[in-house]
Amino acid sequence: MFKQLTDLPADILGFEARGKLTAEDYETVLMPAMDAAVTKGPVRLLFVMPEGFHGMEMGAMRDDLMFGLKHFRDFRKFAFVTDDETLASLTRNFAFMIPAETRVFSVAERDQAVSWLQA
């Protein structure tokens, strides 16, 4: 499930993912918030994936691809927060494909991620 984070500065859009992501999560939480945010310009995105993430359903994978294609150039900065070293490594290794400055932070470094997004 996606949860939009509400404890962030106004210029940062943030989400937390837990459990197993579904297409409904994308369609009712992530996509509407992103569509609204891009009307104000490039987005600074904080994506937190703490312990307890269990993957994605097939429909969520499709929506993730569609989200990425639709908003490919809509990001100014992307901070990915996780303690899962596999996901952190994948993000670092494929960051060159994201047309925004991208950094990975541990869960303990969440506040640093927010500060970096604001800089």
PDB file of N, CA and C in Angstrom:
ATOM      1  N   MET A   1       0.824  -1.170   0.000  1.00  0.00           N
ATOM      2  CA  MET A   1       0.000   0.000   0.000  1.00  0.00           C
ATOM      3  C   MET A   1       0.877   1.245   0.000  1.00  0.00           C
ATOM      4  N   PHE A   2       0.427   2.271  -0.670  1.00  0.00           N
ATOM      5  CA  PHE A   2       1.074   3.576  -0.655  1.00  0.00           C
ATOM      6  C   PHE A   2       0.398   4.443   0.392  1.00  0.00           C
ATOM      7  N   LYS A   3       1.208   5.218   1.078  1.00  0.00           N
ATOM      8  CA  LYS A   3       0.686   6.240   1.976  1.00  0.00           C
ATOM      9  C   LYS A   3       1.390   7.535   1.609  1.00  0.00           C
ATOM     10  N   GLN A   4       0.625   8.583   1.349  1.00  0.00           N
ATOM     11  CA  GLN A   4       1.248   9.867   1.077  1.00  0.00           C
ATOM     12  C   GLN A   4       1.728  10.448   2.402  1.00  0.00           C
ATOM     13  N   LEU A   5       2.965  10.939   2.402  1.00  0.00           N
ATOM     14  CA  LEU A   5       3.545  11.515   3.606  1.00  0.00           C
ATOM     15  C   LEU A   5       3.118  12.972   3.715  1.00  0.00           C
ATOM     16  N   THR A   6       2.600  13.340   4.865  1.00  0.00           N
ATOM     17  CA  THR A   6       2.071  14.691   5.051  1.00  0.00           C
ATOM     18  C   THR A   6       2.949  15.547   5.962  1.00  0.00           C
ATOM     19  N   ASP A   7       4.036  14.989   6.476  1.00  0.00           N
ATOM     20  CA  ASP A   7       4.906  15.719   7.405  1.00  0.00           C
ATOM     21  C   ASP A   7       6.125  16.318   6.699  1.00  0.00           C
ATOM     22  N   LEU A   8       5.961  16.683   5.435  1.00  0.00           N
ATOM     23  CA  LEU A   8       7.071  17.184   4.624  1.00  0.00           C
ATOM     24  C   LEU A   8       6.872  18.653   4.273  1.00  0.00           C
ATOM     25  N   PRO A   9       7.974  19.351   3.942  1.00  0.00           N
ATOM     26  CA  PRO A   9       7.828  20.717   3.431  1.00  0.00           C
ATOM     27  C   PRO A   9       6.935  20.722   2.188  1.00  0.00           C
ATOM     28  N   ALA A  10       6.295  21.842   1.935  1.00  0.00           N
ATOM     29  CA  ALA A  10       5.319  21.947   0.847  1.00  0.00           C
ATOM     30  C   ALA A  10       5.897  21.657  -0.529  1.00  0.00           C
ATOM     31  N   ASP A  11       7.205  21.849  -0.710  1.00  0.00           N
ATOM     32  CA  ASP A  11       7.804  21.648  -2.035  1.00  0.00           C
ATOM     33  C   ASP A  11       8.282  20.221  -2.272  1.00  0.00           C
ATOM     34  N   ILE A  12       7.974  19.306  -1.353  1.00  0.00           N
ATOM     35  CA  ILE A  12       8.388  17.909  -1.490  1.00  0.00           C
ATOM     36  C   ILE A  12       7.156  17.010  -1.476  1.00  0.00           C
ATOM     37  N   LEU A  13       7.079  16.114  -2.452  1.00  0.00           N
ATOM     38  CA  LEU A  13       6.024  15.117  -2.520  1.00  0.00           C
ATOM     39  C   LEU A  13       6.624  13.812  -2.010  1.00  0.00           C
ATOM     40  N   GLY A  14       5.958  13.185  -1.046  1.00  0.00           N
ATOM     41  CA  GLY A  14       6.518  11.970  -0.468  1.00  0.00           C
ATOM     42  C   GLY A  14       5.512  10.862  -0.303  1.00  0.00           C
ATOM     43  N   PHE A  15       6.036   9.633  -0.413  1.00  0.00           N
ATOM     44  CA  PHE A  15       5.216   8.436  -0.260  1.00  0.00           C
ATOM     45  C   PHE A  15       5.992   7.384   0.512  1.00  0.00           C
ATOM     46  N   GLU A  16       5.248   6.516   1.177  1.00  0.00           N
ATOM     47  CA  GLU A  16       5.824   5.351   1.829  1.00  0.00           C
ATOM     48  C   GLU A  16       5.110   4.132   1.266  1.00  0.00           C
ATOM     49  N   ALA A  17       5.877   3.092   0.992  1.00  0.00           N
ATOM     50  CA  ALA A  17       5.306   1.849   0.458  1.00  0.00           C
ATOM     51  C   ALA A  17       5.514   0.727   1.468  1.00  0.00           C
ATOM     52  N   ARG A  18       4.449   0.038   1.788  1.00  0.00           N
ATOM     53  CA  ARG A  18       4.499  -1.122   2.687  1.00  0.00           C
ATOM     54  C   ARG A  18       3.593  -2.217   2.137  1.00  0.00           C
ATOM     55  N   GLY A  19       3.857  -3.420   2.565  1.00  0.00           N
ATOM     56  CA  GLY A  19       3.031  -4.529   2.122  1.00  0.00           C
ATOM     57  C   GLY A  19       3.217  -4.789   0.642  1.00  0.00           C
ATOM     58  N   LYS A  20       2.173  -5.201  -0.010  1.00  0.00           N
ATOM     59  CA  LYS A  20       2.213  -5.494  -1.443  1.00  0.00           C
ATOM     60  C   LYS A  20       1.454  -4.400  -2.184  1.00  0.00           C
ATOM     61  N   LEU A  21       2.113  -3.767  -3.157  1.00  0.00           N
ATOM     62  CA  LEU A  21       1.490  -2.686  -3.911  1.00  0.00           C
ATOM     63  C   LEU A  21       0.512  -3.236  -4.941  1.00  0.00           C
ATOM     64  N   THR A  22      -0.606  -2.543  -5.073  1.00  0.00           N
ATOM     65  CA  THR A  22      -1.634  -2.939  -6.021  1.00  0.00           C
ATOM     66  C   THR A  22      -1.848  -1.823  -7.048  1.00  0.00           C
ATOM     67  N   ALA A  23      -2.544  -2.148  -8.109  1.00  0.00           N
ATOM     68  CA  ALA A  23      -2.902  -1.135  -9.110  1.00  0.00           C
ATOM     69  C   ALA A  23      -3.748  -0.054  -8.460  1.00  0.00           C
ATOM     70  N   GLU A  24      -4.625  -0.428  -7.554  1.00  0.00           N
ATOM     71  CA  GLU A  24      -5.464   0.551  -6.863  1.00  0.00           C
ATOM     72  C   GLU A  24      -4.620   1.555  -6.080  1.00  0.00           C
ATOM     73  N   ASP A  25      -3.511   1.101  -5.489  1.00  0.00           N
ATOM     74  CA  ASP A  25      -2.603   2.017  -4.784  1.00  0.00           C
ATOM     75  C   ASP A  25      -2.092   3.103  -5.720  1.00  0.00           C
ATOM     76  N   TYR A  26      -1.692   2.706  -6.917  1.00  0.00           N
ATOM     77  CA  TYR A  26      -1.202   3.669  -7.903  1.00  0.00           C
ATOM     78  C   TYR A  26      -2.321   4.605  -8.353  1.00  0.00           C
ATOM     79  N   GLU A  27      -3.467   4.020  -8.641  1.00  0.00           N
ATOM     80  CA  GLU A  27      -4.566   4.781  -9.235  1.00  0.00           C
ATOM     81  C   GLU A  27      -5.261   5.718  -8.259  1.00  0.00           C
ATOM     82  N   THR A  28      -5.244   5.408  -6.960  1.00  0.00           N
ATOM     83  CA  THR A  28      -5.963   6.244  -5.996  1.00  0.00           C
ATOM     84  C   THR A  28      -5.047   7.106  -5.130  1.00  0.00           C
ATOM     85  N   VAL A  29      -3.769   6.782  -5.050  1.00  0.00           N
ATOM     86  CA  VAL A  29      -2.862   7.534  -4.171  1.00  0.00           C
ATOM     87  C   VAL A  29      -1.754   8.211  -4.970  1.00  0.00           C
ATOM     88  N   LEU A  30      -0.897   7.431  -5.593  1.00  0.00           N
ATOM     89  CA  LEU A  30       0.299   7.984  -6.234  1.00  0.00           C
ATOM     90  C   LEU A  30      -0.015   8.855  -7.452  1.00  0.00           C
ATOM     91  N   MET A  31      -0.764   8.327  -8.387  1.00  0.00           N
ATOM     92  CA  MET A  31      -1.005   9.057  -9.638  1.00  0.00           C
ATOM     93  C   MET A  31      -1.738  10.382  -9.435  1.00  0.00           C
ATOM     94  N   PRO A  32      -2.831  10.422  -8.665  1.00  0.00           N
ATOM     95  CA  PRO A  32      -3.508  11.721  -8.484  1.00  0.00           C
ATOM     96  C   PRO A  32      -2.606  12.762  -7.806  1.00  0.00           C
ATOM     97  N   ALA A  33      -1.844  12.347  -6.820  1.00  0.00           N
ATOM     98  CA  ALA A  33      -0.960  13.293  -6.129  1.00  0.00           C
ATOM     99  C   ALA A  33       0.136  13.797  -7.058  1.00  0.00           C
ATOM    100  N   MET A  34       0.691  12.920  -7.867  1.00  0.00           N
ATOM    101  CA  MET A  34       1.739  13.326  -8.801  1.00  0.00           C
ATOM    102  C   MET A  34       1.172  14.225  -9.892  1.00  0.00           C
ATOM    103  N   ASP A  35       0.018  13.871 -10.423  1.00  0.00           N
ATOM    104  CA  ASP A  35      -0.605  14.695 -11.466  1.00  0.00           C
ATOM    105  C   ASP A  35      -0.855  16.108 -10.946  1.00  0.00           C
ATOM    106  N   ALA A  36      -1.289  16.243  -9.706  1.00  0.00           N
ATOM    107  CA  ALA A  36      -1.522  17.568  -9.120  1.00  0.00           C
ATOM    108  C   ALA A  36      -0.209  18.299  -8.886  1.00  0.00           C
ATOM    109  N   ALA A  37       0.815  17.587  -8.426  1.00  0.00           N
ATOM    110  CA  ALA A  37       2.097  18.216  -8.107  1.00  0.00           C
ATOM    111  C   ALA A  37       2.802  18.760  -9.342  1.00  0.00           C
ATOM    112  N   VAL A  38       2.732  18.075 -10.465  1.00  0.00           N
ATOM    113  CA  VAL A  38       3.467  18.513 -11.661  1.00  0.00           C
ATOM    114  C   VAL A  38       2.881  19.785 -12.264  1.00  0.00           C
ATOM    115  N   THR A  39       1.680  20.154 -11.888  1.00  0.00           N
ATOM    116  CA  THR A  39       1.122  21.411 -12.396  1.00  0.00           C
ATOM    117  C   THR A  39       1.885  22.608 -11.844  1.00  0.00           C
ATOM    118  N   LYS A  40       2.645  22.398 -10.766  1.00  0.00           N
ATOM    119  CA  LYS A  40       3.433  23.467 -10.137  1.00  0.00           C
ATOM    120  C   LYS A  40       4.889  23.458 -10.600  1.00  0.00           C
ATOM    121  N   GLY A  41       5.258  22.497 -11.450  1.00  0.00           N
ATOM    122  CA  GLY A  41       6.636  22.409 -11.934  1.00  0.00           C
ATOM    123  C   GLY A  41       7.266  21.085 -11.559  1.00  0.00           C
ATOM    124  N   PRO A  42       8.577  20.936 -11.849  1.00  0.00           N
ATOM    125  CA  PRO A  42       9.272  19.679 -11.543  1.00  0.00           C
ATOM    126  C   PRO A  42       9.163  19.315 -10.056  1.00  0.00           C
ATOM    127  N   VAL A  43       9.033  18.032  -9.793  1.00  0.00           N
ATOM    128  CA  VAL A  43       8.748  17.517  -8.461  1.00  0.00           C
ATOM    129  C   VAL A  43      10.025  17.028  -7.763  1.00  0.00           C
ATOM    130  N   ARG A  44      10.102  17.335  -6.481  1.00  0.00           N
ATOM    131  CA  ARG A  44      11.124  16.767  -5.595  1.00  0.00           C
ATOM    132  C   ARG A  44      10.415  15.622  -4.878  1.00  0.00           C
ATOM    133  N   LEU A  45      10.837  14.391  -5.170  1.00  0.00           N
ATOM    134  CA  LEU A  45      10.116  13.211  -4.691  1.00  0.00           C
ATOM    135  C   LEU A  45      10.914  12.457  -3.636  1.00  0.00           C
ATOM    136  N   LEU A  46      10.263  12.186  -2.514  1.00  0.00           N
ATOM    137  CA  LEU A  46      10.804  11.341  -1.451  1.00  0.00           C
ATOM    138  C   LEU A  46      10.009  10.049  -1.474  1.00  0.00           C
ATOM    139  N   PHE A  47      10.713   8.932  -1.645  1.00  0.00           N
ATOM    140  CA  PHE A  47      10.050   7.636  -1.682  1.00  0.00           C
ATOM    141  C   PHE A  47      10.674   6.773  -0.598  1.00  0.00           C
ATOM    142  N   VAL A  48       9.883   6.435   0.413  1.00  0.00           N
ATOM    143  CA  VAL A  48      10.364   5.669   1.563  1.00  0.00           C
ATOM    144  C   VAL A  48       9.840   4.246   1.468  1.00  0.00           C
ATOM    145  N   MET A  49      10.758   3.295   1.542  1.00  0.00           N
ATOM    146  CA  MET A  49      10.393   1.894   1.510  1.00  0.00           C
ATOM    147  C   MET A  49      11.030   1.208   2.726  1.00  0.00           C
ATOM    148  N   PRO A  50      10.353   1.299   3.883  1.00  0.00           N
ATOM    149  CA  PRO A  50      10.905   0.682   5.088  1.00  0.00           C
ATOM    150  C   PRO A  50      10.710  -0.829   5.058  1.00  0.00           C
ATOM    151  N   GLU A  51      11.139  -1.470   6.110  1.00  0.00           N
ATOM    152  CA  GLU A  51      10.941  -2.911   6.237  1.00  0.00           C
ATOM    153  C   GLU A  51       9.443  -3.193   6.132  1.00  0.00           C
ATOM    154  N   GLY A  52       9.089  -4.256   5.478  1.00  0.00           N
ATOM    155  CA  GLY A  52       7.679  -4.602   5.353  1.00  0.00           C
ATOM    156  C   GLY A  52       7.136  -4.458   3.949  1.00  0.00           C
ATOM    157  N   PHE A  53       8.000  -4.170   2.976  1.00  0.00           N
ATOM    158  CA  PHE A  53       7.568  -4.127   1.576  1.00  0.00           C
ATOM    159  C   PHE A  53       7.618  -5.546   1.032  1.00  0.00           C
ATOM    160  N   HIS A  54       6.530  -5.972   0.368  1.00  0.00           N
ATOM    161  CA  HIS A  54       6.434  -7.357  -0.103  1.00  0.00           C
ATOM    162  C   HIS A  54       6.194  -7.484  -1.603  1.00  0.00           C
ATOM    163  N   GLY A  55       6.582  -6.481  -2.356  1.00  0.00           N
ATOM    164  CA  GLY A  55       6.489  -6.593  -3.805  1.00  0.00           C
ATOM    165  C   GLY A  55       5.258  -5.923  -4.382  1.00  0.00           C
ATOM    166  N   MET A  56       5.005  -6.277  -5.649  1.00  0.00           N
ATOM    167  CA  MET A  56       3.937  -5.629  -6.412  1.00  0.00           C
ATOM    168  C   MET A  56       3.102  -6.664  -7.153  1.00  0.00           C
ATOM    169  N   GLU A  57       1.800  -6.404  -7.202  1.00  0.00           N
ATOM    170  CA  GLU A  57       0.934  -7.223  -8.044  1.00  0.00           C
ATOM    171  C   GLU A  57       1.177  -6.842  -9.502  1.00  0.00           C
ATOM    172  N   MET A  58       0.757  -7.680 -10.413  1.00  0.00           N
ATOM    173  CA  MET A  58       0.987  -7.445 -11.836  1.00  0.00           C
ATOM    174  C   MET A  58       0.399  -6.113 -12.298  1.00  0.00           C
ATOM    175  N   GLY A  59      -0.794  -5.787 -11.852  1.00  0.00           N
ATOM    176  CA  GLY A  59      -1.415  -4.519 -12.231  1.00  0.00           C
ATOM    177  C   GLY A  59      -0.616  -3.326 -11.727  1.00  0.00           C
ATOM    178  N   ALA A  60      -0.008  -3.464 -10.561  1.00  0.00           N
ATOM    179  CA  ALA A  60       0.826  -2.387 -10.018  1.00  0.00           C
ATOM    180  C   ALA A  60       2.085  -2.229 -10.862  1.00  0.00           C
ATOM    181  N   MET A  61       2.640  -3.321 -11.356  1.00  0.00           N
ATOM    182  CA  MET A  61       3.824  -3.238 -12.227  1.00  0.00           C
ATOM    183  C   MET A  61       3.483  -2.478 -13.509  1.00  0.00           C
ATOM    184  N   ARG A  62       2.317  -2.762 -14.069  1.00  0.00           N
ATOM    185  CA  ARG A  62       1.868  -2.053 -15.266  1.00  0.00           C
ATOM    186  C   ARG A  62       1.707  -0.566 -14.969  1.00  0.00           C
ATOM    187  N   ASP A  63       1.059  -0.251 -13.850  1.00  0.00           N
ATOM    188  CA  ASP A  63       0.848   1.151 -13.496  1.00  0.00           C
ATOM    189  C   ASP A  63       2.164   1.855 -13.179  1.00  0.00           C
ATOM    190  N   ASP A  64       3.119   1.140 -12.608  1.00  0.00           N
ATOM    191  CA  ASP A  64       4.423   1.729 -12.331  1.00  0.00           C
ATOM    192  C   ASP A  64       5.114   2.107 -13.639  1.00  0.00           C
ATOM    193  N   LEU A  65       5.042   1.240 -14.622  1.00  0.00           N
ATOM    194  CA  LEU A  65       5.619   1.528 -15.935  1.00  0.00           C
ATOM    195  C   LEU A  65       4.921   2.737 -16.574  1.00  0.00           C
ATOM    196  N   MET A  66       3.599   2.768 -16.528  1.00  0.00           N
ATOM    197  CA  MET A  66       2.847   3.882 -17.104  1.00  0.00           C
ATOM    198  C   MET A  66       3.159   5.191 -16.372  1.00  0.00           C
ATOM    199  N   PHE A  67       3.272   5.119 -15.054  1.00  0.00           N
ATOM    200  CA  PHE A  67       3.622   6.291 -14.252  1.00  0.00           C
ATOM    201  C   PHE A  67       4.988   6.820 -14.666  1.00  0.00           C
ATOM    202  N   GLY A  68       5.953   5.904 -14.801  1.00  0.00           N
ATOM    203  CA  GLY A  68       7.305   6.299 -15.185  1.00  0.00           C
ATOM    204  C   GLY A  68       7.366   6.923 -16.565  1.00  0.00           C
ATOM    205  N   LEU A  69       6.630   6.379 -17.502  1.00  0.00           N
ATOM    206  CA  LEU A  69       6.619   6.931 -18.857  1.00  0.00           C
ATOM    207  C   LEU A  69       5.926   8.297 -18.900  1.00  0.00           C
ATOM    208  N   LYS A  70       4.819   8.405 -18.205  1.00  0.00           N
ATOM    209  CA  LYS A  70       4.056   9.658 -18.212  1.00  0.00           C
ATOM    210  C   LYS A  70       4.839  10.795 -17.547  1.00  0.00           C
ATOM    211  N   HIS A  71       5.541  10.483 -16.469  1.00  0.00           N
ATOM    212  CA  HIS A  71       6.212  11.524 -15.681  1.00  0.00           C
ATOM    213  C   HIS A  71       7.739  11.456 -15.798  1.00  0.00           C
ATOM    214  N   PHE A  72       8.223  10.904 -16.870  1.00  0.00           N
ATOM    215  CA  PHE A  72       9.660  10.674 -17.044  1.00  0.00           C
ATOM    216  C   PHE A  72      10.499  11.923 -16.792  1.00  0.00           C
ATOM    217  N   ARG A  73      10.048  13.064 -17.254  1.00  0.00           N
ATOM    218  CA  ARG A  73      10.827  14.304 -17.128  1.00  0.00           C
ATOM    219  C   ARG A  73      10.237  15.293 -16.112  1.00  0.00           C
ATOM    220  N   ASP A  74       9.381  14.804 -15.245  1.00  0.00           N
ATOM    221  CA  ASP A  74       8.705  15.684 -14.297  1.00  0.00           C
ATOM    222  C   ASP A  74       9.378  15.781 -12.929  1.00  0.00           C
ATOM    223  N   PHE A  75      10.563  15.206 -12.786  1.00  0.00           N
ATOM    224  CA  PHE A  75      11.234  15.206 -11.490  1.00  0.00           C
ATOM    225  C   PHE A  75      12.443  16.128 -11.488  1.00  0.00           C
ATOM    226  N   ARG A  76      12.599  16.875 -10.409  1.00  0.00           N
ATOM    227  CA  ARG A  76      13.804  17.676 -10.207  1.00  0.00           C
ATOM    228  C   ARG A  76      14.834  16.836  -9.436  1.00  0.00           C
ATOM    229  N   LYS A  77      14.383  16.220  -8.342  1.00  0.00           N
ATOM    230  CA  LYS A  77      15.243  15.371  -7.524  1.00  0.00           C
ATOM    231  C   LYS A  77      14.417  14.186  -7.033  1.00  0.00           C
ATOM    232  N   PHE A  78      15.111  13.069  -6.822  1.00  0.00           N
ATOM    233  CA  PHE A  78      14.468  11.859  -6.327  1.00  0.00           C
ATOM    234  C   PHE A  78      15.328  11.270  -5.213  1.00  0.00           C
ATOM    235  N   ALA A  79      14.748  11.175  -4.012  1.00  0.00           N
ATOM    236  CA  ALA A  79      15.431  10.554  -2.876  1.00  0.00           C
ATOM    237  C   ALA A  79      14.707   9.250  -2.544  1.00  0.00           C
ATOM    238  N   PHE A  80      15.452   8.170  -2.578  1.00  0.00           N
ATOM    239  CA  PHE A  80      14.907   6.841  -2.276  1.00  0.00           C
ATOM    240  C   PHE A  80      15.451   6.429  -0.918  1.00  0.00           C
ATOM    241  N   VAL A  81      14.562   6.134   0.025  1.00  0.00           N
ATOM    242  CA  VAL A  81      14.945   5.810   1.396  1.00  0.00           C
ATOM    243  C   VAL A  81      14.581   4.364   1.692  1.00  0.00           C
ATOM    244  N   THR A  82      15.598   3.547   1.966  1.00  0.00           N
ATOM    245  CA  THR A  82      15.369   2.135   2.247  1.00  0.00           C
ATOM    246  C   THR A  82      16.575   1.541   2.961  1.00  0.00           C
ATOM    247  N   ASP A  83      16.340   0.486   3.699  1.00  0.00           N
ATOM    248  CA  ASP A  83      17.427  -0.299   4.283  1.00  0.00           C
ATOM    249  C   ASP A  83      17.619  -1.615   3.528  1.00  0.00           C
ATOM    250  N   ASP A  84      16.817  -1.824   2.496  1.00  0.00           N
ATOM    251  CA  ASP A  84      16.942  -3.024   1.674  1.00  0.00           C
ATOM    252  C   ASP A  84      18.100  -2.809   0.697  1.00  0.00           C
ATOM    253  N   GLU A  85      19.202  -3.489   0.931  1.00  0.00           N
ATOM    254  CA  GLU A  85      20.404  -3.248   0.126  1.00  0.00           C
ATOM    255  C   GLU A  85      20.221  -3.636  -1.335  1.00  0.00           C
ATOM    256  N   THR A  86      19.398  -4.632  -1.616  1.00  0.00           N
ATOM    257  CA  THR A  86      19.150  -5.003  -3.006  1.00  0.00           C
ATOM    258  C   THR A  86      18.442  -3.871  -3.745  1.00  0.00           C
ATOM    259  N   LEU A  87      17.389  -3.313  -3.148  1.00  0.00           N
ATOM    260  CA  LEU A  87      16.672  -2.205  -3.776  1.00  0.00           C
ATOM    261  C   LEU A  87      17.546  -0.956  -3.858  1.00  0.00           C
ATOM    262  N   ALA A  88      18.341  -0.719  -2.825  1.00  0.00           N
ATOM    263  CA  ALA A  88      19.252   0.438  -2.834  1.00  0.00           C
ATOM    264  C   ALA A  88      20.270   0.294  -3.961  1.00  0.00           C
ATOM    265  N   SER A  89      20.845  -0.888  -4.112  1.00  0.00           N
ATOM    266  CA  SER A  89      21.832  -1.116  -5.172  1.00  0.00           C
ATOM    267  C   SER A  89      21.217  -0.986  -6.556  1.00  0.00           C
ATOM    268  N   LEU A  90      20.028  -1.540  -6.733  1.00  0.00           N
ATOM    269  CA  LEU A  90      19.347  -1.416  -8.027  1.00  0.00           C
ATOM    270  C   LEU A  90      19.105   0.054  -8.372  1.00  0.00           C
ATOM    271  N   THR A  91      18.682   0.826  -7.386  1.00  0.00           N
ATOM    272  CA  THR A  91      18.429   2.251  -7.625  1.00  0.00           C
ATOM    273  C   THR A  91      19.716   2.974  -7.978  1.00  0.00           C
ATOM    274  N   ARG A  92      20.787   2.703  -7.235  1.00  0.00           N
ATOM    275  CA  ARG A  92      22.079   3.341  -7.538  1.00  0.00           C
ATOM    276  C   ARG A  92      22.570   2.961  -8.933  1.00  0.00           C
ATOM    277  N   ASN A  93      22.454   1.691  -9.276  1.00  0.00           N
ATOM    278  CA  ASN A  93      22.970   1.206 -10.558  1.00  0.00           C
ATOM    279  C   ASN A  93      22.181   1.712 -11.762  1.00  0.00           C
ATOM    280  N   PHE A  94      20.896   1.996 -11.578  1.00  0.00           N
ATOM    281  CA  PHE A  94      20.075   2.450 -12.689  1.00  0.00           C
ATOM    282  C   PHE A  94      19.713   3.925 -12.593  1.00  0.00           C
ATOM    283  N   ALA A  95      20.317   4.650 -11.667  1.00  0.00           N
ATOM    284  CA  ALA A  95      20.037   6.078 -11.494  1.00  0.00           C
ATOM    285  C   ALA A  95      20.350   6.871 -12.764  1.00  0.00           C
ATOM    286  N   PHE A  96      21.313   6.394 -13.547  1.00  0.00           N
ATOM    287  CA  PHE A  96      21.668   7.107 -14.782  1.00  0.00           C
ATOM    288  C   PHE A  96      20.495   7.159 -15.762  1.00  0.00           C
ATOM    289  N   MET A  97      19.508   6.285 -15.587  1.00  0.00           N
ATOM    290  CA  MET A  97      18.361   6.250 -16.491  1.00  0.00           C
ATOM    291  C   MET A  97      17.253   7.220 -16.058  1.00  0.00           C
ATOM    292  N   ILE A  98      17.403   7.779 -14.868  1.00  0.00           N
ATOM    293  CA  ILE A  98      16.395   8.704 -14.342  1.00  0.00           C
ATOM    294  C   ILE A  98      16.852  10.121 -14.648  1.00  0.00           C
ATOM    295  N   PRO A  99      16.062  10.893 -15.375  1.00  0.00           N
ATOM    296  CA  PRO A  99      16.491  12.247 -15.754  1.00  0.00           C
ATOM    297  C   PRO A  99      16.300  13.264 -14.629  1.00  0.00           C
ATOM    298  N   ALA A 100      16.706  12.880 -13.447  1.00  0.00           N
ATOM    299  CA  ALA A 100      16.668  13.765 -12.280  1.00  0.00           C
ATOM    300  C   ALA A 100      17.806  13.347 -11.376  1.00  0.00           C
ATOM    301  N   GLU A 101      18.297  14.278 -10.597  1.00  0.00           N
ATOM    302  CA  GLU A 101      19.330  13.947  -9.626  1.00  0.00           C
ATOM    303  C   GLU A 101      18.739  12.946  -8.636  1.00  0.00           C
ATOM    304  N   THR A 102      19.428  11.826  -8.433  1.00  0.00           N
ATOM    305  CA  THR A 102      18.898  10.731  -7.625  1.00  0.00           C
ATOM    306  C   THR A 102      19.916  10.314  -6.574  1.00  0.00           C
ATOM    307  N   ARG A 103      19.443  10.115  -5.348  1.00  0.00           N
ATOM    308  CA  ARG A 103      20.290   9.618  -4.264  1.00  0.00           C
ATOM    309  C   ARG A 103      19.525   8.610  -3.435  1.00  0.00           C
ATOM    310  N   VAL A 104      20.269   7.685  -2.832  1.00  0.00           N
ATOM    311  CA  VAL A 104      19.703   6.664  -1.962  1.00  0.00           C
ATOM    312  C   VAL A 104      20.158   6.954  -0.534  1.00  0.00           C
ATOM    313  N   PHE A 105      19.217   6.831   0.402  1.00  0.00           N
ATOM    314  CA  PHE A 105      19.479   7.059   1.816  1.00  0.00           C
ATOM    315  C   PHE A 105      18.944   5.875   2.622  1.00  0.00           C
ATOM    316  N   SER A 106      19.533   5.634   3.789  1.00  0.00           N
ATOM    317  CA  SER A 106      18.998   4.617   4.694  1.00  0.00           C
ATOM    318  C   SER A 106      17.789   5.201   5.418  1.00  0.00           C
ATOM    319  N   VAL A 107      17.005   4.346   6.046  1.00  0.00           N
ATOM    320  CA  VAL A 107      15.834   4.808   6.790  1.00  0.00           C
ATOM    321  C   VAL A 107      16.259   5.772   7.900  1.00  0.00           C
ATOM    322  N   ALA A 108      17.391   5.516   8.522  1.00  0.00           N
ATOM    323  CA  ALA A 108      17.894   6.403   9.578  1.00  0.00           C
ATOM    324  C   ALA A 108      18.285   7.777   9.026  1.00  0.00           C
ATOM    325  N   GLU A 109      18.509   7.877   7.729  1.00  0.00           N
ATOM    326  CA  GLU A 109      18.918   9.131   7.090  1.00  0.00           C
ATOM    327  C   GLU A 109      17.746   9.874   6.429  1.00  0.00           C
ATOM    328  N   ARG A 110      16.533   9.536   6.804  1.00  0.00           N
ATOM    329  CA  ARG A 110      15.352  10.151   6.175  1.00  0.00           C
ATOM    330  C   ARG A 110      15.397  11.676   6.253  1.00  0.00           C
ATOM    331  N   ASP A 111      15.753  12.227   7.397  1.00  0.00           N
ATOM    332  CA  ASP A 111      15.819  13.688   7.530  1.00  0.00           C
ATOM    333  C   ASP A 111      16.869  14.284   6.603  1.00  0.00           C
ATOM    334  N   GLN A 112      17.977  13.571   6.425  1.00  0.00           N
ATOM    335  CA  GLN A 112      19.015  14.028   5.490  1.00  0.00           C
ATOM    336  C   GLN A 112      18.478  14.013   4.064  1.00  0.00           C
ATOM    337  N   ALA A 113      17.668  13.027   3.746  1.00  0.00           N
ATOM    338  CA  ALA A 113      17.079  12.951   2.406  1.00  0.00           C
ATOM    339  C   ALA A 113      16.189  14.168   2.158  1.00  0.00           C
ATOM    340  N   VAL A 114      15.408  14.542   3.143  1.00  0.00           N
ATOM    341  CA  VAL A 114      14.538  15.711   3.006  1.00  0.00           C
ATOM    342  C   VAL A 114      15.371  16.966   2.826  1.00  0.00           C
ATOM    343  N   SER A 115      16.441  17.105   3.629  1.00  0.00           N
ATOM    344  CA  SER A 115      17.331  18.280   3.507  1.00  0.00           C
ATOM    345  C   SER A 115      17.979  18.323   2.127  1.00  0.00           C
ATOM    346  N   TRP A 116      18.405  17.174   1.630  1.00  0.00           N
ATOM    347  CA  TRP A 116      19.028  17.111   0.299  1.00  0.00           C
ATOM    348  C   TRP A 116      18.022  17.520  -0.783  1.00  0.00           C
ATOM    349  N   LEU A 117      16.783  17.072  -0.652  1.00  0.00           N
ATOM    350  CA  LEU A 117      15.765  17.444  -1.635  1.00  0.00           C
ATOM    351  C   LEU A 117      15.529  18.946  -1.648  1.00  0.00           C
ATOM    352  N   GLN A 118      15.623  19.587  -0.503  1.00  0.00           N
ATOM    353  CA  GLN A 118      15.377  21.023  -0.415  1.00  0.00           C
ATOM    354  C   GLN A 118      16.549  21.855  -0.921  1.00  0.00           C
ATOM    355  N   ALA A 119      17.744  21.286  -0.942  1.00  0.00           N
ATOM    356  CA  ALA A 119      18.948  22.050  -1.329  1.00  0.00           C
ATOM    357  C   ALA A 119      18.952  22.378  -2.813  1.00  0.00           C
TER     358      ALA A 119
END
